[in-house]
C-alpha cells in the first residue's frame, strides 16, 4: 500500500513539474464564408483593423491615420466579395485595396493602406515560431501600385516603432490563386509588443490596387522548448 501511495504521489508531483506551454498569441483562421457579405461591420466584428500612411510625391512622410475598424465595402481599404474564388476558396473572399476616400490621391501622394489583425506578445510566447498562410489572387492592381502581405511587430514603448517587418511581395501575384507562407520566431525582445498579420498596398492618383485573399491561417508552427525537469529533484521525493 505504501508503494502505491508513493507511486501516486510521484505521478502527481511529476505532472505539476511538467512545463505547460502558455501562449498569449492565439491561432486565427478565416475563409470568409460565414461572414455576412452585406454587413458593413462584418470585418470589424471579426477583429480587422485598418491604418493609413500618406507620403508626398517625393516619399517624404506626411501623416498617418487610424487604427479604425475595417470597413466592409465602399471605396476604402477592404471588402468581402463574392465569386472570385476557385474550388478551394469557396464563395467569399477578402479584397484589399487603397483608401480612395483620401483626397490626397489626387495630389500625387502615395497612400499606404494597411488591413490587419493584431495581438500582443507575452513572455510565454518566447521561443515559439508562428506561421501565416494564405491564398492570394491578383485583382485590378495597376500602374505604380505595389502590394504586400506581412507579419510585423511594433513596440509601444518606442512610439510604435516597427521591430520586425516580414513580407511577401504581392505586386506580381498571379491572376490564378496561389498559396503563400510567412513565419516569425518570437524572441526575448518581443514581449509587450504588438504583432500584426495582414495586407497592404501603396497607390497614388487613384490607380487600381485590389488583391484578393482567402484561406487565412495563423498558427503555432513550432512551440517553445519546454524547460527540463531535474530528475535528481524528483528522486529525492523517495527519501
C-alpha atoms as a PDB file:
ATOM      1  CA  UNK A   1       0.000   0.000   0.000  1.00  0.00           C
ATOM      2  CA  UNK A   2       2.847   2.368   0.873  1.00  0.00           C
ATOM      3  CA  UNK A   3       4.473   1.752  -2.519  1.00  0.00           C
ATOM      4  CA  UNK A   4       1.185   2.504  -4.288  1.00  0.00           C
ATOM      5  CA  UNK A   5       0.770   5.768  -2.391  1.00  0.00           C
ATOM      6  CA  UNK A   6       4.351   6.775  -3.170  1.00  0.00           C
ATOM      7  CA  UNK A   7       3.854   5.993  -6.848  1.00  0.00           C
ATOM      8  CA  UNK A   8       0.691   8.082  -6.916  1.00  0.00           C
ATOM      9  CA  UNK A   9       2.443  10.993  -5.223  1.00  0.00           C
ATOM     10  CA  UNK A  10       5.345  10.880  -7.665  1.00  0.00           C
ATOM     11  CA  UNK A  11       2.955  10.894 -10.633  1.00  0.00           C
ATOM     12  CA  UNK A  12       1.089  13.895  -9.228  1.00  0.00           C
ATOM     13  CA  UNK A  13       4.315  15.765  -8.497  1.00  0.00           C
ATOM     14  CA  UNK A  14       5.736  14.961 -11.923  1.00  0.00           C
ATOM     15  CA  UNK A  15       2.569  16.298 -13.538  1.00  0.00           C
ATOM     16  CA  UNK A  16       2.920  19.513 -11.575  1.00  0.00           C
ATOM     17  CA  UNK A  17       6.577  19.837 -12.609  1.00  0.00           C
ATOM     18  CA  UNK A  18       5.963  19.197 -16.305  1.00  0.00           C
ATOM     19  CA  UNK A  19       6.142  22.555 -18.106  1.00  0.00           C
ATOM     20  CA  UNK A  20       2.924  23.556 -19.803  1.00  0.00           C
ATOM     21  CA  UNK A  21       3.210  25.981 -22.706  1.00  0.00           C
ATOM     22  CA  UNK A  22       1.266  29.158 -22.036  1.00  0.00           C
ATOM     23  CA  UNK A  23       0.852  31.200 -25.183  1.00  0.00           C
ATOM     24  CA  UNK A  24      -0.731  34.615 -25.315  1.00  0.00           C
ATOM     25  CA  UNK A  25      -0.770  34.541 -29.113  1.00  0.00           C
ATOM     26  CA  UNK A  26      -3.839  32.762 -30.407  1.00  0.00           C
ATOM     27  CA  UNK A  27      -4.392  30.926 -33.701  1.00  0.00           C
ATOM     28  CA  UNK A  28      -6.581  32.650 -36.247  1.00  0.00           C
ATOM     29  CA  UNK A  29      -8.131  31.236 -39.392  1.00  0.00           C
ATOM     30  CA  UNK A  30     -10.696  32.683 -41.746  1.00  0.00           C
ATOM     31  CA  UNK A  31     -12.152  31.654 -45.089  1.00  0.00           C
ATOM     32  CA  UNK A  32     -14.780  34.465 -45.006  1.00  0.00           C
ATOM     33  CA  UNK A  33     -17.613  32.062 -45.821  1.00  0.00           C
ATOM     34  CA  UNK A  34     -19.509  32.664 -42.579  1.00  0.00           C
ATOM     35  CA  UNK A  35     -19.190  36.458 -42.566  1.00  0.00           C
ATOM     36  CA  UNK A  36     -22.192  38.437 -43.779  1.00  0.00           C
ATOM     37  CA  UNK A  37     -21.109  39.950 -47.085  1.00  0.00           C
ATOM     38  CA  UNK A  38     -23.817  42.630 -46.799  1.00  0.00           C
ATOM     39  CA  UNK A  39     -22.945  43.712 -43.239  1.00  0.00           C
ATOM     40  CA  UNK A  40     -20.705  46.823 -43.290  1.00  0.00           C
ATOM     41  CA  UNK A  41     -19.334  45.781 -39.876  1.00  0.00           C
ATOM     42  CA  UNK A  42     -18.586  42.161 -40.773  1.00  0.00           C
ATOM     43  CA  UNK A  43     -14.802  42.580 -40.941  1.00  0.00           C
ATOM     44  CA  UNK A  44     -14.667  44.904 -37.945  1.00  0.00           C
ATOM     45  CA  UNK A  45     -16.642  42.405 -35.869  1.00  0.00           C
ATOM     46  CA  UNK A  46     -14.077  39.769 -36.806  1.00  0.00           C
ATOM     47  CA  UNK A  47     -11.288  41.936 -35.401  1.00  0.00           C
ATOM     48  CA  UNK A  48      -9.952  43.506 -38.597  1.00  0.00           C
ATOM     49  CA  UNK A  49      -8.382  46.967 -38.383  1.00  0.00           C
ATOM     50  CA  UNK A  50      -7.088  49.480 -40.914  1.00  0.00           C
ATOM     51  CA  UNK A  51      -4.385  52.128 -40.809  1.00  0.00           C
ATOM     52  CA  UNK A  52      -3.312  54.628 -43.443  1.00  0.00           C
ATOM     53  CA  UNK A  53       0.066  56.266 -44.026  1.00  0.00           C
ATOM     54  CA  UNK A  54       0.480  59.102 -46.502  1.00  0.00           C
ATOM     55  CA  UNK A  55       3.729  60.048 -48.234  1.00  0.00           C
ATOM     56  CA  UNK A  56       4.299  63.007 -50.510  1.00  0.00           C
ATOM     57  CA  UNK A  57       5.230  62.651 -54.184  1.00  0.00           C
ATOM     58  CA  UNK A  58       8.894  62.683 -53.079  1.00  0.00           C
ATOM     59  CA  UNK A  59       8.174  59.981 -50.451  1.00  0.00           C
ATOM     60  CA  UNK A  60       8.512  62.363 -47.527  1.00  0.00           C
ATOM     61  CA  UNK A  61       6.163  61.262 -44.741  1.00  0.00           C
ATOM     62  CA  UNK A  62       3.057  63.449 -44.418  1.00  0.00           C
ATOM     63  CA  UNK A  63       0.782  61.799 -41.836  1.00  0.00           C
ATOM     64  CA  UNK A  64      -0.883  58.635 -40.600  1.00  0.00           C
ATOM     65  CA  UNK A  65      -4.463  57.910 -39.567  1.00  0.00           C
ATOM     66  CA  UNK A  66      -6.059  55.080 -37.626  1.00  0.00           C
ATOM     67  CA  UNK A  67      -6.362  52.487 -36.414  1.00  0.00           C
ATOM     68  CA  UNK A  68     -10.021  52.192 -37.351  1.00  0.00           C
ATOM     69  CA  UNK A  69     -12.365  49.203 -37.568  1.00  0.00           C
ATOM     70  CA  UNK A  70     -12.057  47.740 -41.037  1.00  0.00           C
ATOM     71  CA  UNK A  71     -14.927  48.661 -43.367  1.00  0.00           C
ATOM     72  CA  UNK A  72     -16.676  46.040 -45.451  1.00  0.00           C
ATOM     73  CA  UNK A  73     -17.385  47.610 -48.808  1.00  0.00           C
ATOM     74  CA  UNK A  74     -17.180  51.135 -50.105  1.00  0.00           C
ATOM     75  CA  UNK A  75     -14.200  52.978 -51.539  1.00  0.00           C
ATOM     76  CA  UNK A  76     -11.749  52.496 -48.665  1.00  0.00           C
ATOM     77  CA  UNK A  77      -9.457  49.661 -47.643  1.00  0.00           C
ATOM     78  CA  UNK A  78     -11.419  46.405 -47.689  1.00  0.00           C
ATOM     79  CA  UNK A  79     -14.479  44.396 -48.642  1.00  0.00           C
ATOM     80  CA  UNK A  80     -15.841  40.873 -48.615  1.00  0.00           C
ATOM     81  CA  UNK A  81     -16.513  39.961 -52.241  1.00  0.00           C
ATOM     82  CA  UNK A  82     -18.360  37.106 -53.903  1.00  0.00           C
ATOM     83  CA  UNK A  83     -17.386  34.927 -56.830  1.00  0.00           C
ATOM     84  CA  UNK A  84     -13.614  35.449 -57.059  1.00  0.00           C
ATOM     85  CA  UNK A  85     -12.686  32.075 -55.597  1.00  0.00           C
ATOM     86  CA  UNK A  86     -11.648  28.787 -57.110  1.00  0.00           C
ATOM     87  CA  UNK A  87     -12.567  25.305 -55.931  1.00  0.00           C
ATOM     88  CA  UNK A  88     -10.579  25.721 -52.704  1.00  0.00           C
ATOM     89  CA  UNK A  89     -11.682  29.280 -51.920  1.00  0.00           C
ATOM     90  CA  UNK A  90     -15.454  28.963 -51.829  1.00  0.00           C
ATOM     91  CA  UNK A  91     -17.882  31.788 -52.491  1.00  0.00           C
ATOM     92  CA  UNK A  92     -16.485  34.684 -50.448  1.00  0.00           C
ATOM     93  CA  UNK A  93     -13.060  36.320 -50.376  1.00  0.00           C
ATOM     94  CA  UNK A  94     -11.350  39.357 -48.868  1.00  0.00           C
ATOM     95  CA  UNK A  95     -10.492  42.214 -51.217  1.00  0.00           C
ATOM     96  CA  UNK A  96      -7.826  44.678 -50.016  1.00  0.00           C
ATOM     97  CA  UNK A  97      -7.332  47.986 -51.847  1.00  0.00           C
ATOM     98  CA  UNK A  98      -6.370  51.611 -51.321  1.00  0.00           C
ATOM     99  CA  UNK A  99      -8.244  54.289 -49.409  1.00  0.00           C
ATOM    100  CA  UNK A 100      -9.840  56.078 -52.349  1.00  0.00           C
ATOM    101  CA  UNK A 101     -11.700  58.352 -49.948  1.00  0.00           C
ATOM    102  CA  UNK A 102      -8.388  60.066 -49.232  1.00  0.00           C
ATOM    103  CA  UNK A 103      -8.325  63.129 -51.471  1.00  0.00           C
ATOM    104  CA  UNK A 104      -4.524  63.267 -51.384  1.00  0.00           C
ATOM    105  CA  UNK A 105      -4.644  60.558 -54.043  1.00  0.00           C
ATOM    106  CA  UNK A 106      -5.348  63.387 -56.450  1.00  0.00           C
ATOM    107  CA  UNK A 107      -2.449  65.451 -55.081  1.00  0.00           C
ATOM    108  CA  UNK A 108       0.079  62.856 -56.161  1.00  0.00           C
ATOM    109  CA  UNK A 109       0.549  61.498 -52.648  1.00  0.00           C
ATOM    110  CA  UNK A 110       1.304  57.843 -52.005  1.00  0.00           C
ATOM    111  CA  UNK A 111      -1.440  56.279 -49.889  1.00  0.00           C
ATOM    112  CA  UNK A 112      -0.360  53.199 -47.947  1.00  0.00           C
ATOM    113  CA  UNK A 113      -3.437  51.217 -46.859  1.00  0.00           C
ATOM    114  CA  UNK A 114      -2.983  48.511 -44.199  1.00  0.00           C
ATOM    115  CA  UNK A 115      -5.634  45.898 -43.352  1.00  0.00           C
ATOM    116  CA  UNK A 116      -4.711  43.603 -40.485  1.00  0.00           C
ATOM    117  CA  UNK A 117      -5.346  41.574 -37.346  1.00  0.00           C
ATOM    118  CA  UNK A 118      -3.273  42.198 -34.213  1.00  0.00           C
ATOM    119  CA  UNK A 119      -2.372  40.577 -30.898  1.00  0.00           C
ATOM    120  CA  UNK A 120       0.023  41.320 -28.035  1.00  0.00           C
ATOM    121  CA  UNK A 121       3.103  39.145 -27.480  1.00  0.00           C
ATOM    122  CA  UNK A 122       3.776  37.923 -23.932  1.00  0.00           C
ATOM    123  CA  UNK A 123       6.610  36.110 -22.146  1.00  0.00           C
ATOM    124  CA  UNK A 124       5.069  32.688 -22.702  1.00  0.00           C
ATOM    125  CA  UNK A 125       5.390  33.147 -26.471  1.00  0.00           C
ATOM    126  CA  UNK A 126       9.189  33.452 -26.451  1.00  0.00           C
ATOM    127  CA  UNK A 127      10.935  30.709 -28.422  1.00  0.00           C
ATOM    128  CA  UNK A 128       7.877  29.741 -30.462  1.00  0.00           C
ATOM    129  CA  UNK A 129       7.579  30.096 -34.228  1.00  0.00           C
ATOM    130  CA  UNK A 130       4.272  31.209 -35.726  1.00  0.00           C
ATOM    131  CA  UNK A 131       3.314  30.863 -39.374  1.00  0.00           C
ATOM    132  CA  UNK A 132       0.887  32.857 -41.505  1.00  0.00           C
ATOM    133  CA  UNK A 133      -0.500  31.053 -44.539  1.00  0.00           C
ATOM    134  CA  UNK A 134      -2.975  32.404 -47.089  1.00  0.00           C
ATOM    135  CA  UNK A 135      -4.128  32.206 -50.692  1.00  0.00           C
ATOM    136  CA  UNK A 136      -3.993  35.231 -52.995  1.00  0.00           C
ATOM    137  CA  UNK A 137      -5.049  36.265 -56.471  1.00  0.00           C
ATOM    138  CA  UNK A 138      -4.322  39.478 -58.352  1.00  0.00           C
ATOM    139  CA  UNK A 139      -7.282  41.828 -58.759  1.00  0.00           C
ATOM    140  CA  UNK A 140      -7.148  45.199 -60.507  1.00  0.00           C
ATOM    141  CA  UNK A 141      -3.689  46.296 -59.346  1.00  0.00           C
ATOM    142  CA  UNK A 142      -2.278  48.692 -61.925  1.00  0.00           C
ATOM    143  CA  UNK A 143       0.215  51.440 -62.693  1.00  0.00           C
ATOM    144  CA  UNK A 144       2.759  52.155 -59.946  1.00  0.00           C
ATOM    145  CA  UNK A 145       0.776  50.409 -57.229  1.00  0.00           C
ATOM    146  CA  UNK A 146       2.535  47.860 -55.025  1.00  0.00           C
ATOM    147  CA  UNK A 147       1.089  45.319 -52.590  1.00  0.00           C
ATOM    148  CA  UNK A 148       2.421  43.279 -49.667  1.00  0.00           C
ATOM    149  CA  UNK A 149       1.415  40.604 -47.203  1.00  0.00           C
ATOM    150  CA  UNK A 150       3.141  40.947 -43.850  1.00  0.00           C
ATOM    151  CA  UNK A 151       3.895  39.917 -40.328  1.00  0.00           C
ATOM    152  CA  UNK A 152       5.085  42.920 -38.362  1.00  0.00           C
ATOM    153  CA  UNK A 153       5.837  43.771 -34.745  1.00  0.00           C
ATOM    154  CA  UNK A 154       5.507  47.236 -33.200  1.00  0.00           C
ATOM    155  CA  UNK A 155       6.952  48.465 -29.902  1.00  0.00           C
ATOM    156  CA  UNK A 156       4.510  50.702 -27.964  1.00  0.00           C
ATOM    157  CA  UNK A 157       7.346  51.730 -25.639  1.00  0.00           C
ATOM    158  CA  UNK A 158       9.222  53.235 -28.601  1.00  0.00           C
ATOM    159  CA  UNK A 159       6.424  55.193 -30.237  1.00  0.00           C
ATOM    160  CA  UNK A 160       5.178  52.072 -32.087  1.00  0.00           C
ATOM    161  CA  UNK A 161       8.479  51.712 -33.884  1.00  0.00           C
ATOM    162  CA  UNK A 162       8.444  48.705 -36.192  1.00  0.00           C
ATOM    163  CA  UNK A 163      10.816  45.991 -34.945  1.00  0.00           C
ATOM    164  CA  UNK A 164      10.021  43.238 -37.472  1.00  0.00           C
ATOM    165  CA  UNK A 165       8.653  43.515 -40.991  1.00  0.00           C
ATOM    166  CA  UNK A 166       8.417  40.126 -42.689  1.00  0.00           C
ATOM    167  CA  UNK A 167       6.835  40.471 -46.103  1.00  0.00           C
ATOM    168  CA  UNK A 168       5.735  38.741 -49.266  1.00  0.00           C
ATOM    169  CA  UNK A 169       5.574  40.931 -52.365  1.00  0.00           C
ATOM    170  CA  UNK A 170       2.076  40.583 -53.766  1.00  0.00           C
ATOM    171  CA  UNK A 171       2.551  43.094 -56.583  1.00  0.00           C
ATOM    172  CA  UNK A 172       3.098  40.380 -59.158  1.00  0.00           C
ATOM    173  CA  UNK A 173       0.985  37.608 -57.675  1.00  0.00           C
ATOM    174  CA  UNK A 174      -0.694  35.648 -60.493  1.00  0.00           C
ATOM    175  CA  UNK A 175      -4.280  36.079 -61.601  1.00  0.00           C
ATOM    176  CA  UNK A 176      -4.808  32.473 -60.508  1.00  0.00           C
ATOM    177  CA  UNK A 177      -4.971  31.524 -56.839  1.00  0.00           C
ATOM    178  CA  UNK A 178      -1.562  30.894 -55.272  1.00  0.00           C
ATOM    179  CA  UNK A 179      -0.605  29.896 -51.713  1.00  0.00           C
ATOM    180  CA  UNK A 180       1.936  31.763 -49.585  1.00  0.00           C
ATOM    181  CA  UNK A 181       3.515  31.401 -46.147  1.00  0.00           C
ATOM    182  CA  UNK A 182       5.352  33.762 -43.793  1.00  0.00           C
ATOM    183  CA  UNK A 183       6.738  32.948 -40.347  1.00  0.00           C
ATOM    184  CA  UNK A 184       8.230  34.662 -37.317  1.00  0.00           C
ATOM    185  CA  UNK A 185      10.200  33.368 -34.343  1.00  0.00           C
ATOM    186  CA  UNK A 186       9.256  35.104 -31.115  1.00  0.00           C
ATOM    187  CA  UNK A 187      12.457  36.179 -29.389  1.00  0.00           C
ATOM    188  CA  UNK A 188      13.083  37.653 -25.948  1.00  0.00           C
ATOM    189  CA  UNK A 189      12.816  41.252 -27.206  1.00  0.00           C
ATOM    190  CA  UNK A 190       9.173  40.928 -28.290  1.00  0.00           C
ATOM    191  CA  UNK A 191       7.022  40.505 -25.122  1.00  0.00           C
ATOM    192  CA  UNK A 192       4.826  43.578 -24.739  1.00  0.00           C
ATOM    193  CA  UNK A 193       4.957  44.352 -28.443  1.00  0.00           C
ATOM    194  CA  UNK A 194       2.082  44.212 -30.917  1.00  0.00           C
ATOM    195  CA  UNK A 195       2.160  41.530 -33.603  1.00  0.00           C
ATOM    196  CA  UNK A 196       0.162  42.138 -36.762  1.00  0.00           C
ATOM    197  CA  UNK A 197      -0.678  39.893 -39.687  1.00  0.00           C
ATOM    198  CA  UNK A 198      -2.261  41.336 -42.786  1.00  0.00           C
ATOM    199  CA  UNK A 199      -2.016  43.024 -46.140  1.00  0.00           C
ATOM    200  CA  UNK A 200      -1.160  46.439 -47.527  1.00  0.00           C
ATOM    201  CA  UNK A 201      -0.914  48.356 -50.757  1.00  0.00           C
ATOM    202  CA  UNK A 202       0.600  51.660 -51.772  1.00  0.00           C
ATOM    203  CA  UNK A 203      -1.096  53.592 -54.570  1.00  0.00           C
ATOM    204  CA  UNK A 204      -1.349  57.095 -55.992  1.00  0.00           C
ATOM    205  CA  UNK A 205      -3.560  59.027 -58.394  1.00  0.00           C
ATOM    206  CA  UNK A 206      -6.477  56.650 -57.826  1.00  0.00           C
ATOM    207  CA  UNK A 207      -4.738  53.765 -59.618  1.00  0.00           C
ATOM    208  CA  UNK A 208      -6.183  50.279 -59.164  1.00  0.00           C
ATOM    209  CA  UNK A 209      -4.836  48.370 -56.154  1.00  0.00           C
ATOM    210  CA  UNK A 210      -7.047  45.355 -55.467  1.00  0.00           C
ATOM    211  CA  UNK A 211      -5.718  41.947 -54.445  1.00  0.00           C
ATOM    212  CA  UNK A 212      -7.939  39.068 -53.287  1.00  0.00           C
ATOM    213  CA  UNK A 213      -7.103  36.914 -50.248  1.00  0.00           C
ATOM    214  CA  UNK A 214      -8.615  33.778 -48.759  1.00  0.00           C
ATOM    215  CA  UNK A 215      -7.994  30.743 -46.521  1.00  0.00           C
ATOM    216  CA  UNK A 216      -6.021  32.670 -43.918  1.00  0.00           C
ATOM    217  CA  UNK A 217      -4.321  30.596 -41.217  1.00  0.00           C
ATOM    218  CA  UNK A 218      -2.131  31.956 -38.407  1.00  0.00           C
ATOM    219  CA  UNK A 219      -0.890  29.055 -36.331  1.00  0.00           C
ATOM    220  CA  UNK A 220       1.793  27.774 -33.964  1.00  0.00           C
ATOM    221  CA  UNK A 221       4.358  26.171 -36.250  1.00  0.00           C
ATOM    222  CA  UNK A 222       6.991  25.293 -33.640  1.00  0.00           C
ATOM    223  CA  UNK A 223       6.291  25.588 -29.895  1.00  0.00           C
ATOM    224  CA  UNK A 224       8.811  27.000 -27.452  1.00  0.00           C
ATOM    225  CA  UNK A 225      11.106  24.305 -25.999  1.00  0.00           C
ATOM    226  CA  UNK A 226       9.972  23.121 -22.573  1.00  0.00           C
ATOM    227  CA  UNK A 227      12.295  23.579 -19.605  1.00  0.00           C
ATOM    228  CA  UNK A 228      13.930  20.363 -18.474  1.00  0.00           C
ATOM    229  CA  UNK A 229      12.905  18.807 -15.147  1.00  0.00           C
ATOM    230  CA  UNK A 230      15.680  17.787 -12.751  1.00  0.00           C
ATOM    231  CA  UNK A 231      15.430  14.038 -12.146  1.00  0.00           C
ATOM    232  CA  UNK A 232      17.633  14.480  -9.095  1.00  0.00           C
ATOM    233  CA  UNK A 233      14.956  16.621  -7.507  1.00  0.00           C
ATOM    234  CA  UNK A 234      12.279  14.082  -8.381  1.00  0.00           C
ATOM    235  CA  UNK A 235      14.239  11.130  -6.943  1.00  0.00           C
ATOM    236  CA  UNK A 236      14.660  12.976  -3.684  1.00  0.00           C
ATOM    237  CA  UNK A 237      10.908  12.528  -3.140  1.00  0.00           C
ATOM    238  CA  UNK A 238      11.524   8.861  -2.308  1.00  0.00           C
ATOM    239  CA  UNK A 239      13.718   9.704   0.681  1.00  0.00           C
END
